[in-house]
């Protein structure tokens, strides 16, 4: 068992843009197949650049704010309540297109 309190977790840099911060609630090794369970905070205009994962699915849930996720060149709007699963090999980029923070809760699963 592992219990975490989001309010007590220190912020870390997101690997695809160190200006974007995240709080990692679960890390690789905490649960089988899980690479992370985190919450990321994108300030207006911030972008996590295009990338893909060969051996991982990622699932993003929009807590608040407005944004865009581009998957394999197609844009999808991000707004509160939207959940998007990105499959292994899909090139994706996340950006905050709104005037307030875009807050995403997300996790990765090894395939």
PDB file of N, CA and C in Angstrom:
ATOM      1  N   UNK A   1       0.838  -1.176   0.000  1.00  0.00           N
ATOM      2  CA  UNK A   1       0.000   0.000   0.000  1.00  0.00           C
ATOM      3  C   UNK A   1       0.884   1.242   0.000  1.00  0.00           C
ATOM      4  N   UNK A   2       0.421   2.262  -0.694  1.00  0.00           N
ATOM      5  CA  UNK A   2       1.114   3.546  -0.691  1.00  0.00           C
ATOM      6  C   UNK A   2       0.056   4.640  -0.663  1.00  0.00           C
ATOM      7  N   UNK A   3       0.191   5.562   0.259  1.00  0.00           N
ATOM      8  CA  UNK A   3      -0.727   6.698   0.356  1.00  0.00           C
ATOM      9  C   UNK A   3       0.079   7.963   0.124  1.00  0.00           C
ATOM     10  N   UNK A   4      -0.417   8.824  -0.762  1.00  0.00           N
ATOM     11  CA  UNK A   4       0.247  10.102  -1.013  1.00  0.00           C
ATOM     12  C   UNK A   4      -0.752  11.231  -0.822  1.00  0.00           C
ATOM     13  N   UNK A   5      -0.233  12.399  -0.496  1.00  0.00           N
ATOM     14  CA  UNK A   5      -1.035  13.613  -0.331  1.00  0.00           C
ATOM     15  C   UNK A   5      -0.504  14.629  -1.330  1.00  0.00           C
ATOM     16  N   UNK A   6      -1.303  14.957  -2.329  1.00  0.00           N
ATOM     17  CA  UNK A   6      -0.874  15.863  -3.395  1.00  0.00           C
ATOM     18  C   UNK A   6      -0.320  17.175  -2.839  1.00  0.00           C
ATOM     19  N   UNK A   7      -0.895  17.660  -1.755  1.00  0.00           N
ATOM     20  CA  UNK A   7      -0.458  18.929  -1.169  1.00  0.00           C
ATOM     21  C   UNK A   7       0.959  18.851  -0.601  1.00  0.00           C
ATOM     22  N   UNK A   8       1.426  17.648  -0.309  1.00  0.00           N
ATOM     23  CA  UNK A   8       2.748  17.480   0.305  1.00  0.00           C
ATOM     24  C   UNK A   8       3.823  17.008  -0.670  1.00  0.00           C
ATOM     25  N   UNK A   9       3.447  16.796  -1.925  1.00  0.00           N
ATOM     26  CA  UNK A   9       4.402  16.291  -2.917  1.00  0.00           C
ATOM     27  C   UNK A   9       5.148  17.462  -3.551  1.00  0.00           C
ATOM     28  N   UNK A  10       6.477  17.428  -3.602  1.00  0.00           N
ATOM     29  CA  UNK A  10       7.221  18.515  -4.248  1.00  0.00           C
ATOM     30  C   UNK A  10       7.047  18.485  -5.768  1.00  0.00           C
ATOM     31  N   UNK A  11       7.113  19.654  -6.371  1.00  0.00           N
ATOM     32  CA  UNK A  11       7.021  19.753  -7.828  1.00  0.00           C
ATOM     33  C   UNK A  11       8.315  19.284  -8.478  1.00  0.00           C
ATOM     34  N   UNK A  12       8.172  18.672  -9.660  1.00  0.00           N
ATOM     35  CA  UNK A  12       9.297  18.259 -10.489  1.00  0.00           C
ATOM     36  C   UNK A  12       9.093  18.826 -11.883  1.00  0.00           C
ATOM     37  N   UNK A  13      10.150  18.808 -12.663  1.00  0.00           N
ATOM     38  CA  UNK A  13      10.055  19.257 -14.054  1.00  0.00           C
ATOM     39  C   UNK A  13       9.495  18.143 -14.927  1.00  0.00           C
ATOM     40  N   UNK A  14       8.700  18.520 -15.925  1.00  0.00           N
ATOM     41  CA  UNK A  14       8.229  17.572 -16.930  1.00  0.00           C
ATOM     42  C   UNK A  14       9.363  17.371 -17.928  1.00  0.00           C
ATOM     43  N   UNK A  15       9.645  16.137 -18.298  1.00  0.00           N
ATOM     44  CA  UNK A  15      10.814  15.849 -19.142  1.00  0.00           C
ATOM     45  C   UNK A  15      10.740  16.486 -20.524  1.00  0.00           C
ATOM     46  N   UNK A  16       9.549  16.727 -21.056  1.00  0.00           N
ATOM     47  CA  UNK A  16       9.419  17.271 -22.409  1.00  0.00           C
ATOM     48  C   UNK A  16       9.406  18.797 -22.442  1.00  0.00           C
ATOM     49  N   UNK A  17       9.415  19.443 -21.261  1.00  0.00           N
ATOM     50  CA  UNK A  17       9.554  20.898 -21.129  1.00  0.00           C
ATOM     51  C   UNK A  17       9.779  21.195 -19.659  1.00  0.00           C
ATOM     52  N   UNK A  18      11.012  21.501 -19.248  1.00  0.00           N
ATOM     53  CA  UNK A  18      11.304  21.691 -17.830  1.00  0.00           C
ATOM     54  C   UNK A  18      10.597  22.885 -17.184  1.00  0.00           C
ATOM     55  N   UNK A  19      10.007  23.780 -17.981  1.00  0.00           N
ATOM     56  CA  UNK A  19       9.246  24.899 -17.414  1.00  0.00           C
ATOM     57  C   UNK A  19       7.891  24.429 -16.882  1.00  0.00           C
ATOM     58  N   UNK A  20       7.403  23.302 -17.387  1.00  0.00           N
ATOM     59  CA  UNK A  20       6.133  22.736 -16.926  1.00  0.00           C
ATOM     60  C   UNK A  20       6.420  21.887 -15.695  1.00  0.00           C
ATOM     61  N   UNK A  21       5.583  22.041 -14.677  1.00  0.00           N
ATOM     62  CA  UNK A  21       5.794  21.323 -13.425  1.00  0.00           C
ATOM     63  C   UNK A  21       4.771  20.209 -13.254  1.00  0.00           C
ATOM     64  N   UNK A  22       5.177  19.188 -12.487  1.00  0.00           N
ATOM     65  CA  UNK A  22       4.284  18.076 -12.189  1.00  0.00           C
ATOM     66  C   UNK A  22       4.518  17.616 -10.758  1.00  0.00           C
ATOM     67  N   UNK A  23       3.523  16.912 -10.233  1.00  0.00           N
ATOM     68  CA  UNK A  23       3.638  16.234  -8.955  1.00  0.00           C
ATOM     69  C   UNK A  23       3.394  14.754  -9.224  1.00  0.00           C
ATOM     70  N   UNK A  24       4.351  13.934  -8.845  1.00  0.00           N
ATOM     71  CA  UNK A  24       4.285  12.498  -9.107  1.00  0.00           C
ATOM     72  C   UNK A  24       3.737  11.797  -7.867  1.00  0.00           C
ATOM     73  N   UNK A  25       2.549  11.198  -8.022  1.00  0.00           N
ATOM     74  CA  UNK A  25       1.913  10.498  -6.909  1.00  0.00           C
ATOM     75  C   UNK A  25       2.349   9.039  -6.826  1.00  0.00           C
ATOM     76  N   UNK A  26       2.554   8.405  -7.988  1.00  0.00           N
ATOM     77  CA  UNK A  26       3.075   7.039  -8.059  1.00  0.00           C
ATOM     78  C   UNK A  26       4.141   6.996  -9.140  1.00  0.00           C
ATOM     79  N   UNK A  27       5.205   6.258  -8.881  1.00  0.00           N
ATOM     80  CA  UNK A  27       6.344   6.193  -9.804  1.00  0.00           C
ATOM     81  C   UNK A  27       6.530   4.780 -10.336  1.00  0.00           C
ATOM     82  N   UNK A  28       7.405   4.674 -11.333  1.00  0.00           N
ATOM     83  CA  UNK A  28       7.779   3.381 -11.890  1.00  0.00           C
ATOM     84  C   UNK A  28       8.219   2.464 -10.753  1.00  0.00           C
ATOM     85  N   UNK A  29       7.653   1.270 -10.709  1.00  0.00           N
ATOM     86  CA  UNK A  29       7.989   0.313  -9.663  1.00  0.00           C
ATOM     87  C   UNK A  29       6.992   0.269  -8.521  1.00  0.00           C
ATOM     88  N   UNK A  30       6.136   1.293  -8.392  1.00  0.00           N
ATOM     89  CA  UNK A  30       5.144   1.294  -7.312  1.00  0.00           C
ATOM     90  C   UNK A  30       4.031   0.274  -7.561  1.00  0.00           C
ATOM     91  N   UNK A  31       3.639   0.096  -8.817  1.00  0.00           N
ATOM     92  CA  UNK A  31       2.611  -0.873  -9.209  1.00  0.00           C
ATOM     93  C   UNK A  31       3.038  -1.536 -10.516  1.00  0.00           C
ATOM     94  N   UNK A  32       2.683  -2.797 -10.713  1.00  0.00           N
ATOM     95  CA  UNK A  32       3.052  -3.459 -11.970  1.00  0.00           C
ATOM     96  C   UNK A  32       2.521  -2.703 -13.192  1.00  0.00           C
ATOM     97  N   UNK A  33       3.359  -2.536 -14.187  1.00  0.00           N
ATOM     98  CA  UNK A  33       3.045  -1.922 -15.486  1.00  0.00           C
ATOM     99  C   UNK A  33       2.897  -0.403 -15.435  1.00  0.00           C
ATOM    100  N   UNK A  34       2.693   0.185 -14.266  1.00  0.00           N
ATOM    101  CA  UNK A  34       2.506   1.636 -14.157  1.00  0.00           C
ATOM    102  C   UNK A  34       3.852   2.345 -14.236  1.00  0.00           C
ATOM    103  N   UNK A  35       3.968   3.328 -15.126  1.00  0.00           N
ATOM    104  CA  UNK A  35       5.206   4.109 -15.209  1.00  0.00           C
ATOM    105  C   UNK A  35       5.138   5.338 -14.322  1.00  0.00           C
ATOM    106  N   UNK A  36       3.945   5.917 -14.192  1.00  0.00           N
ATOM    107  CA  UNK A  36       3.746   7.075 -13.325  1.00  0.00           C
ATOM    108  C   UNK A  36       2.264   7.367 -13.208  1.00  0.00           C
ATOM    109  N   UNK A  37       1.906   8.064 -12.145  1.00  0.00           N
ATOM    110  CA  UNK A  37       0.576   8.648 -11.965  1.00  0.00           C
ATOM    111  C   UNK A  37       0.853  10.035 -11.430  1.00  0.00           C
ATOM    112  N   UNK A  38       0.568  11.057 -12.233  1.00  0.00           N
ATOM    113  CA  UNK A  38       1.040  12.407 -11.939  1.00  0.00           C
ATOM    114  C   UNK A  38      -0.019  13.449 -12.254  1.00  0.00           C
ATOM    115  N   UNK A  39       0.236  14.654 -11.760  1.00  0.00           N
ATOM    116  CA  UNK A  39      -0.576  15.812 -12.129  1.00  0.00           C
ATOM    117  C   UNK A  39       0.373  16.893 -12.633  1.00  0.00           C
ATOM    118  N   UNK A  40       0.078  17.411 -13.831  1.00  0.00           N
ATOM    119  CA  UNK A  40       0.933  18.428 -14.462  1.00  0.00           C
ATOM    120  C   UNK A  40       0.195  19.752 -14.529  1.00  0.00           C
ATOM    121  N   UNK A  41       0.979  20.832 -14.433  1.00  0.00           N
ATOM    122  CA  UNK A  41       0.450  22.196 -14.417  1.00  0.00           C
ATOM    123  C   UNK A  41       1.088  22.975 -15.560  1.00  0.00           C
ATOM    124  N   UNK A  42       0.305  23.302 -16.579  1.00  0.00           N
ATOM    125  CA  UNK A  42       0.766  24.061 -17.736  1.00  0.00           C
ATOM    126  C   UNK A  42       0.290  25.497 -17.584  1.00  0.00           C
ATOM    127  N   UNK A  43       1.198  26.456 -17.540  1.00  0.00           N
ATOM    128  CA  UNK A  43       0.816  27.869 -17.557  1.00  0.00           C
ATOM    129  C   UNK A  43       0.325  28.217 -18.964  1.00  0.00           C
ATOM    130  N   UNK A  44      -0.435  29.304 -19.108  1.00  0.00           N
ATOM    131  CA  UNK A  44      -0.895  29.699 -20.447  1.00  0.00           C
ATOM    132  C   UNK A  44       0.268  29.763 -21.445  1.00  0.00           C
ATOM    133  N   UNK A  45       0.067  29.143 -22.601  1.00  0.00           N
ATOM    134  CA  UNK A  45       1.071  29.149 -23.662  1.00  0.00           C
ATOM    135  C   UNK A  45       2.114  28.052 -23.584  1.00  0.00           C
ATOM    136  N   UNK A  46       2.212  27.351 -22.467  1.00  0.00           N
ATOM    137  CA  UNK A  46       3.236  26.310 -22.349  1.00  0.00           C
ATOM    138  C   UNK A  46       2.892  25.091 -23.199  1.00  0.00           C
ATOM    139  N   UNK A  47       3.952  24.457 -23.723  1.00  0.00           N
ATOM    140  CA  UNK A  47       3.805  23.302 -24.617  1.00  0.00           C
ATOM    141  C   UNK A  47       4.774  22.203 -24.186  1.00  0.00           C
ATOM    142  N   UNK A  48       4.267  20.986 -24.065  1.00  0.00           N
ATOM    143  CA  UNK A  48       5.121  19.805 -23.928  1.00  0.00           C
ATOM    144  C   UNK A  48       5.309  19.280 -25.343  1.00  0.00           C
ATOM    145  N   UNK A  49       6.504  19.440 -25.877  1.00  0.00           N
ATOM    146  CA  UNK A  49       6.793  19.193 -27.284  1.00  0.00           C
ATOM    147  C   UNK A  49       6.479  17.794 -27.777  1.00  0.00           C
ATOM    148  N   UNK A  50       6.427  17.673 -29.086  1.00  0.00           N
ATOM    149  CA  UNK A  50       6.089  16.410 -29.752  1.00  0.00           C
ATOM    150  C   UNK A  50       7.040  15.292 -29.346  1.00  0.00           C
ATOM    151  N   UNK A  51       6.461  14.155 -29.019  1.00  0.00           N
ATOM    152  CA  UNK A  51       7.234  12.973 -28.661  1.00  0.00           C
ATOM    153  C   UNK A  51       6.332  11.749 -28.760  1.00  0.00           C
ATOM    154  N   UNK A  52       6.919  10.591 -28.661  1.00  0.00           N
ATOM    155  CA  UNK A  52       6.158   9.347 -28.621  1.00  0.00           C
ATOM    156  C   UNK A  52       6.860   8.381 -27.678  1.00  0.00           C
ATOM    157  N   UNK A  53       6.152   7.342 -27.328  1.00  0.00           N
ATOM    158  CA  UNK A  53       6.692   6.294 -26.468  1.00  0.00           C
ATOM    159  C   UNK A  53       6.495   4.960 -27.176  1.00  0.00           C
ATOM    160  N   UNK A  54       7.550   4.218 -27.344  1.00  0.00           N
ATOM    161  CA  UNK A  54       7.484   2.946 -28.063  1.00  0.00           C
ATOM    162  C   UNK A  54       6.758   1.878 -27.250  1.00  0.00           C
ATOM    163  N   UNK A  55       6.968   1.908 -25.932  1.00  0.00           N
ATOM    164  CA  UNK A  55       6.466   0.816 -25.097  1.00  0.00           C
ATOM    165  C   UNK A  55       5.547   1.279 -23.979  1.00  0.00           C
ATOM    166  N   UNK A  56       4.808   2.382 -24.207  1.00  0.00           N
ATOM    167  CA  UNK A  56       3.965   2.911 -23.150  1.00  0.00           C
ATOM    168  C   UNK A  56       2.715   3.562 -23.725  1.00  0.00           C
ATOM    169  N   UNK A  57       1.578   3.319 -23.064  1.00  0.00           N
ATOM    170  CA  UNK A  57       0.343   4.070 -23.305  1.00  0.00           C
ATOM    171  C   UNK A  57       0.305   5.187 -22.263  1.00  0.00           C
ATOM    172  N   UNK A  58      -0.255   6.332 -22.634  1.00  0.00           N
ATOM    173  CA  UNK A  58      -0.474   7.410 -21.674  1.00  0.00           C
ATOM    174  C   UNK A  58      -1.941   7.797 -21.707  1.00  0.00           C
ATOM    175  N   UNK A  59      -2.493   8.047 -20.527  1.00  0.00           N
ATOM    176  CA  UNK A  59      -3.878   8.482 -20.406  1.00  0.00           C
ATOM    177  C   UNK A  59      -3.882   9.828 -19.700  1.00  0.00           C
ATOM    178  N   UNK A  60      -4.538  10.808 -20.327  1.00  0.00           N
ATOM    179  CA  UNK A  60      -4.621  12.170 -19.802  1.00  0.00           C
ATOM    180  C   UNK A  60      -6.067  12.488 -19.443  1.00  0.00           C
ATOM    181  N   UNK A  61      -6.278  13.084 -18.263  1.00  0.00           N
ATOM    182  CA  UNK A  61      -7.596  13.552 -17.845  1.00  0.00           C
ATOM    183  C   UNK A  61      -7.480  15.032 -17.513  1.00  0.00           C
ATOM    184  N   UNK A  62      -8.349  15.845 -18.110  1.00  0.00           N
ATOM    185  CA  UNK A  62      -8.299  17.294 -17.906  1.00  0.00           C
ATOM    186  C   UNK A  62      -9.075  17.651 -16.641  1.00  0.00           C
ATOM    187  N   UNK A  63      -8.352  18.150 -15.643  1.00  0.00           N
ATOM    188  CA  UNK A  63      -8.967  18.613 -14.396  1.00  0.00           C
ATOM    189  C   UNK A  63      -9.542  20.018 -14.565  1.00  0.00           C
ATOM    190  N   UNK A  64      -8.741  20.916 -15.163  1.00  0.00           N
ATOM    191  CA  UNK A  64      -9.202  22.295 -15.370  1.00  0.00           C
ATOM    192  C   UNK A  64      -8.366  22.950 -16.458  1.00  0.00           C
ATOM    193  N   UNK A  65      -8.914  24.035 -17.001  1.00  0.00           N
ATOM    194  CA  UNK A  65      -8.225  24.781 -18.046  1.00  0.00           C
ATOM    195  C   UNK A  65      -8.617  24.303 -19.433  1.00  0.00           C
ATOM    196  N   UNK A  66      -8.001  24.956 -20.425  1.00  0.00           N
ATOM    197  CA  UNK A  66      -8.261  24.644 -21.829  1.00  0.00           C
ATOM    198  C   UNK A  66      -6.940  24.377 -22.527  1.00  0.00           C
ATOM    199  N   UNK A  67      -6.967  23.453 -23.454  1.00  0.00           N
ATOM    200  CA  UNK A  67      -5.736  23.149 -24.167  1.00  0.00           C
ATOM    201  C   UNK A  67      -5.993  22.387 -25.439  1.00  0.00           C
ATOM    202  N   UNK A  68      -4.906  21.867 -25.971  1.00  0.00           N
ATOM    203  CA  UNK A  68      -4.932  21.116 -27.218  1.00  0.00           C
ATOM    204  C   UNK A  68      -3.950  19.965 -27.086  1.00  0.00           C
ATOM    205  N   UNK A  69      -4.337  18.816 -27.618  1.00  0.00           N
ATOM    206  CA  UNK A  69      -3.391  17.717 -27.765  1.00  0.00           C
ATOM    207  C   UNK A  69      -3.385  17.346 -29.239  1.00  0.00           C
ATOM    208  N   UNK A  70      -2.201  17.328 -29.804  1.00  0.00           N
ATOM    209  CA  UNK A  70      -2.028  16.934 -31.205  1.00  0.00           C
ATOM    210  C   UNK A  70      -1.490  15.506 -31.199  1.00  0.00           C
ATOM    211  N   UNK A  71      -2.235  14.606 -31.829  1.00  0.00           N
ATOM    212  CA  UNK A  71      -1.837  13.202 -31.907  1.00  0.00           C
ATOM    213  C   UNK A  71      -1.720  12.834 -33.375  1.00  0.00           C
ATOM    214  N   UNK A  72      -0.500  12.467 -33.775  1.00  0.00           N
ATOM    215  CA  UNK A  72      -0.230  12.114 -35.178  1.00  0.00           C
ATOM    216  C   UNK A  72      -0.750  13.177 -36.141  1.00  0.00           C
ATOM    217  N   UNK A  73      -0.543  14.456 -35.772  1.00  0.00           N
ATOM    218  CA  UNK A  73      -0.886  15.568 -36.650  1.00  0.00           C
ATOM    219  C   UNK A  73      -2.328  16.030 -36.588  1.00  0.00           C
ATOM    220  N   UNK A  74      -3.160  15.394 -35.772  1.00  0.00           N
ATOM    221  CA  UNK A  74      -4.566  15.792 -35.649  1.00  0.00           C
ATOM    222  C   UNK A  74      -4.773  16.439 -34.287  1.00  0.00           C
ATOM    223  N   UNK A  75      -5.424  17.620 -34.272  1.00  0.00           N
ATOM    224  CA  UNK A  75      -5.663  18.368 -33.040  1.00  0.00           C
ATOM    225  C   UNK A  75      -6.972  17.949 -32.379  1.00  0.00           C
ATOM    226  N   UNK A  76      -6.914  17.821 -31.050  1.00  0.00           N
ATOM    227  CA  UNK A  76      -8.090  17.513 -30.240  1.00  0.00           C
ATOM    228  C   UNK A  76      -8.153  18.529 -29.108  1.00  0.00           C
ATOM    229  N   UNK A  77      -9.333  19.062 -28.860  1.00  0.00           N
ATOM    230  CA  UNK A  77      -9.507  20.073 -27.819  1.00  0.00           C
ATOM    231  C   UNK A  77      -9.501  19.411 -26.446  1.00  0.00           C
ATOM    232  N   UNK A  78      -8.838  20.070 -25.512  1.00  0.00           N
ATOM    233  CA  UNK A  78      -8.828  19.635 -24.124  1.00  0.00           C
ATOM    234  C   UNK A  78      -9.647  20.620 -23.301  1.00  0.00           C
ATOM    235  N   UNK A  79     -10.635  20.122 -22.599  1.00  0.00           N
ATOM    236  CA  UNK A  79     -11.412  20.936 -21.668  1.00  0.00           C
ATOM    237  C   UNK A  79     -11.781  20.042 -20.487  1.00  0.00           C
ATOM    238  N   UNK A  80     -12.192  20.617 -19.364  1.00  0.00           N
ATOM    239  CA  UNK A  80     -12.434  19.820 -18.164  1.00  0.00           C
ATOM    240  C   UNK A  80     -13.360  18.628 -18.421  1.00  0.00           C
ATOM    241  N   UNK A  81     -12.937  17.477 -17.912  1.00  0.00           N
ATOM    242  CA  UNK A  81     -13.701  16.252 -18.043  1.00  0.00           C
ATOM    243  C   UNK A  81     -13.286  15.368 -19.195  1.00  0.00           C
ATOM    244  N   UNK A  82     -12.459  15.873 -20.107  1.00  0.00           N
ATOM    245  CA  UNK A  82     -12.015  15.085 -21.262  1.00  0.00           C
ATOM    246  C   UNK A  82     -10.916  14.112 -20.827  1.00  0.00           C
ATOM    247  N   UNK A  83     -11.018  12.882 -21.327  1.00  0.00           N
ATOM    248  CA  UNK A  83     -10.006  11.855 -21.093  1.00  0.00           C
ATOM    249  C   UNK A  83      -9.533  11.342 -22.446  1.00  0.00           C
ATOM    250  N   UNK A  84      -8.229  11.318 -22.648  1.00  0.00           N
ATOM    251  CA  UNK A  84      -7.659  10.869 -23.921  1.00  0.00           C
ATOM    252  C   UNK A  84      -6.567   9.840 -23.644  1.00  0.00           C
ATOM    253  N   UNK A  85      -6.636   8.713 -24.344  1.00  0.00           N
ATOM    254  CA  UNK A  85      -5.604   7.676 -24.256  1.00  0.00           C
ATOM    255  C   UNK A  85      -4.734   7.745 -25.504  1.00  0.00           C
ATOM    256  N   UNK A  86      -3.429   7.804 -25.297  1.00  0.00           N
ATOM    257  CA  UNK A  86      -2.454   7.845 -26.387  1.00  0.00           C
ATOM    258  C   UNK A  86      -1.772   6.481 -26.446  1.00  0.00           C
ATOM    259  N   UNK A  87      -1.820   5.869 -27.616  1.00  0.00           N
ATOM    260  CA  UNK A  87      -1.274   4.520 -27.805  1.00  0.00           C
ATOM    261  C   UNK A  87       0.239   4.570 -28.056  1.00  0.00           C
ATOM    262  N   UNK A  88       0.947   3.457 -27.826  1.00  0.00           N
ATOM    263  CA  UNK A  88       2.378   3.409 -28.120  1.00  0.00           C
ATOM    264  C   UNK A  88       2.654   3.804 -29.571  1.00  0.00           C
ATOM    265  N   UNK A  89       3.690   4.610 -29.758  1.00  0.00           N
ATOM    266  CA  UNK A  89       4.100   5.041 -31.094  1.00  0.00           C
ATOM    267  C   UNK A  89       3.376   6.263 -31.621  1.00  0.00           C
ATOM    268  N   UNK A  90       2.274   6.682 -30.990  1.00  0.00           N
ATOM    269  CA  UNK A  90       1.567   7.874 -31.456  1.00  0.00           C
ATOM    270  C   UNK A  90       2.334   9.124 -31.019  1.00  0.00           C
ATOM    271  N   UNK A  91       2.649   9.978 -31.979  1.00  0.00           N
ATOM    272  CA  UNK A  91       3.362  11.225 -31.692  1.00  0.00           C
ATOM    273  C   UNK A  91       2.348  12.206 -31.121  1.00  0.00           C
ATOM    274  N   UNK A  92       2.667  12.777 -29.953  1.00  0.00           N
ATOM    275  CA  UNK A  92       1.722  13.678 -29.306  1.00  0.00           C
ATOM    276  C   UNK A  92       2.422  14.886 -28.696  1.00  0.00           C
ATOM    277  N   UNK A  93       1.660  15.973 -28.642  1.00  0.00           N
ATOM    278  CA  UNK A  93       2.128  17.252 -28.094  1.00  0.00           C
ATOM    279  C   UNK A  93       0.952  17.877 -27.361  1.00  0.00           C
ATOM    280  N   UNK A  94       1.186  18.384 -26.158  1.00  0.00           N
ATOM    281  CA  UNK A  94       0.137  18.998 -25.351  1.00  0.00           C
ATOM    282  C   UNK A  94       0.460  20.469 -25.162  1.00  0.00           C
ATOM    283  N   UNK A  95      -0.556  21.328 -25.334  1.00  0.00           N
ATOM    284  CA  UNK A  95      -0.347  22.766 -25.144  1.00  0.00           C
ATOM    285  C   UNK A  95      -1.526  23.380 -24.404  1.00  0.00           C
ATOM    286  N   UNK A  96      -1.228  24.423 -23.636  1.00  0.00           N
ATOM    287  CA  UNK A  96      -2.259  25.207 -22.967  1.00  0.00           C
ATOM    288  C   UNK A  96      -2.648  26.340 -23.898  1.00  0.00           C
ATOM    289  N   UNK A  97      -3.892  26.340 -24.355  1.00  0.00           N
ATOM    290  CA  UNK A  97      -4.391  27.379 -25.257  1.00  0.00           C
ATOM    291  C   UNK A  97      -5.269  28.390 -24.538  1.00  0.00           C
ATOM    292  N   UNK A  98      -5.444  28.226 -23.230  1.00  0.00           N
ATOM    293  CA  UNK A  98      -6.325  29.098 -22.461  1.00  0.00           C
ATOM    294  C   UNK A  98      -5.584  30.205 -21.742  1.00  0.00           C
ATOM    295  N   UNK A  99      -6.328  30.917 -20.897  1.00  0.00           N
ATOM    296  CA  UNK A  99      -5.790  32.045 -20.127  1.00  0.00           C
ATOM    297  C   UNK A  99      -5.503  31.683 -18.677  1.00  0.00           C
ATOM    298  N   UNK A 100      -5.794  30.448 -18.293  1.00  0.00           N
ATOM    299  CA  UNK A 100      -5.529  29.972 -16.935  1.00  0.00           C
ATOM    300  C   UNK A 100      -4.718  28.683 -17.040  1.00  0.00           C
ATOM    301  N   UNK A 101      -4.250  28.197 -15.904  1.00  0.00           N
ATOM    302  CA  UNK A 101      -3.479  26.951 -15.906  1.00  0.00           C
ATOM    303  C   UNK A 101      -4.301  25.797 -16.474  1.00  0.00           C
ATOM    304  N   UNK A 102      -3.643  24.958 -17.251  1.00  0.00           N
ATOM    305  CA  UNK A 102      -4.194  23.688 -17.707  1.00  0.00           C
ATOM    306  C   UNK A 102      -3.661  22.635 -16.740  1.00  0.00           C
ATOM    307  N   UNK A 103      -4.562  21.945 -16.054  1.00  0.00           N
ATOM    308  CA  UNK A 103      -4.148  20.929 -15.086  1.00  0.00           C
ATOM    309  C   UNK A 103      -4.597  19.565 -15.595  1.00  0.00           C
ATOM    310  N   UNK A 104      -3.618  18.698 -15.809  1.00  0.00           N
ATOM    311  CA  UNK A 104      -3.860  17.348 -16.313  1.00  0.00           C
ATOM    312  C   UNK A 104      -3.416  16.325 -15.279  1.00  0.00           C
ATOM    313  N   UNK A 105      -4.265  15.358 -15.013  1.00  0.00           N
ATOM    314  CA  UNK A 105      -3.863  14.184 -14.260  1.00  0.00           C
ATOM    315  C   UNK A 105      -3.638  13.086 -15.292  1.00  0.00           C
ATOM    316  N   UNK A 106      -2.521  12.386 -15.179  1.00  0.00           N
ATOM    317  CA  UNK A 106      -2.187  11.407 -16.215  1.00  0.00           C
ATOM    318  C   UNK A 106      -1.403  10.238 -15.636  1.00  0.00           C
ATOM    319  N   UNK A 107      -1.442   9.145 -16.399  1.00  0.00           N
ATOM    320  CA  UNK A 107      -0.642   7.986 -16.016  1.00  0.00           C
ATOM    321  C   UNK A 107      -0.146   7.276 -17.263  1.00  0.00           C
ATOM    322  N   UNK A 108       0.903   6.503 -17.079  1.00  0.00           N
ATOM    323  CA  UNK A 108       1.469   5.712 -18.160  1.00  0.00           C
ATOM    324  C   UNK A 108       1.471   4.241 -17.789  1.00  0.00           C
ATOM    325  N   UNK A 109       1.266   3.393 -18.805  1.00  0.00           N
ATOM    326  CA  UNK A 109       1.294   1.944 -18.622  1.00  0.00           C
ATOM    327  C   UNK A 109       2.257   1.326 -19.622  1.00  0.00           C
ATOM    328  N   UNK A 110       3.176   0.499 -19.149  1.00  0.00           N
ATOM    329  CA  UNK A 110       4.082  -0.236 -20.037  1.00  0.00           C
ATOM    330  C   UNK A 110       3.289  -1.280 -20.811  1.00  0.00           C
ATOM    331  N   UNK A 111       3.623  -1.397 -22.090  1.00  0.00           N
ATOM    332  CA  UNK A 111       2.919  -2.385 -22.912  1.00  0.00           C
ATOM    333  C   UNK A 111       3.777  -3.625 -23.105  1.00  0.00           C
TER     334      UNK A 111
END
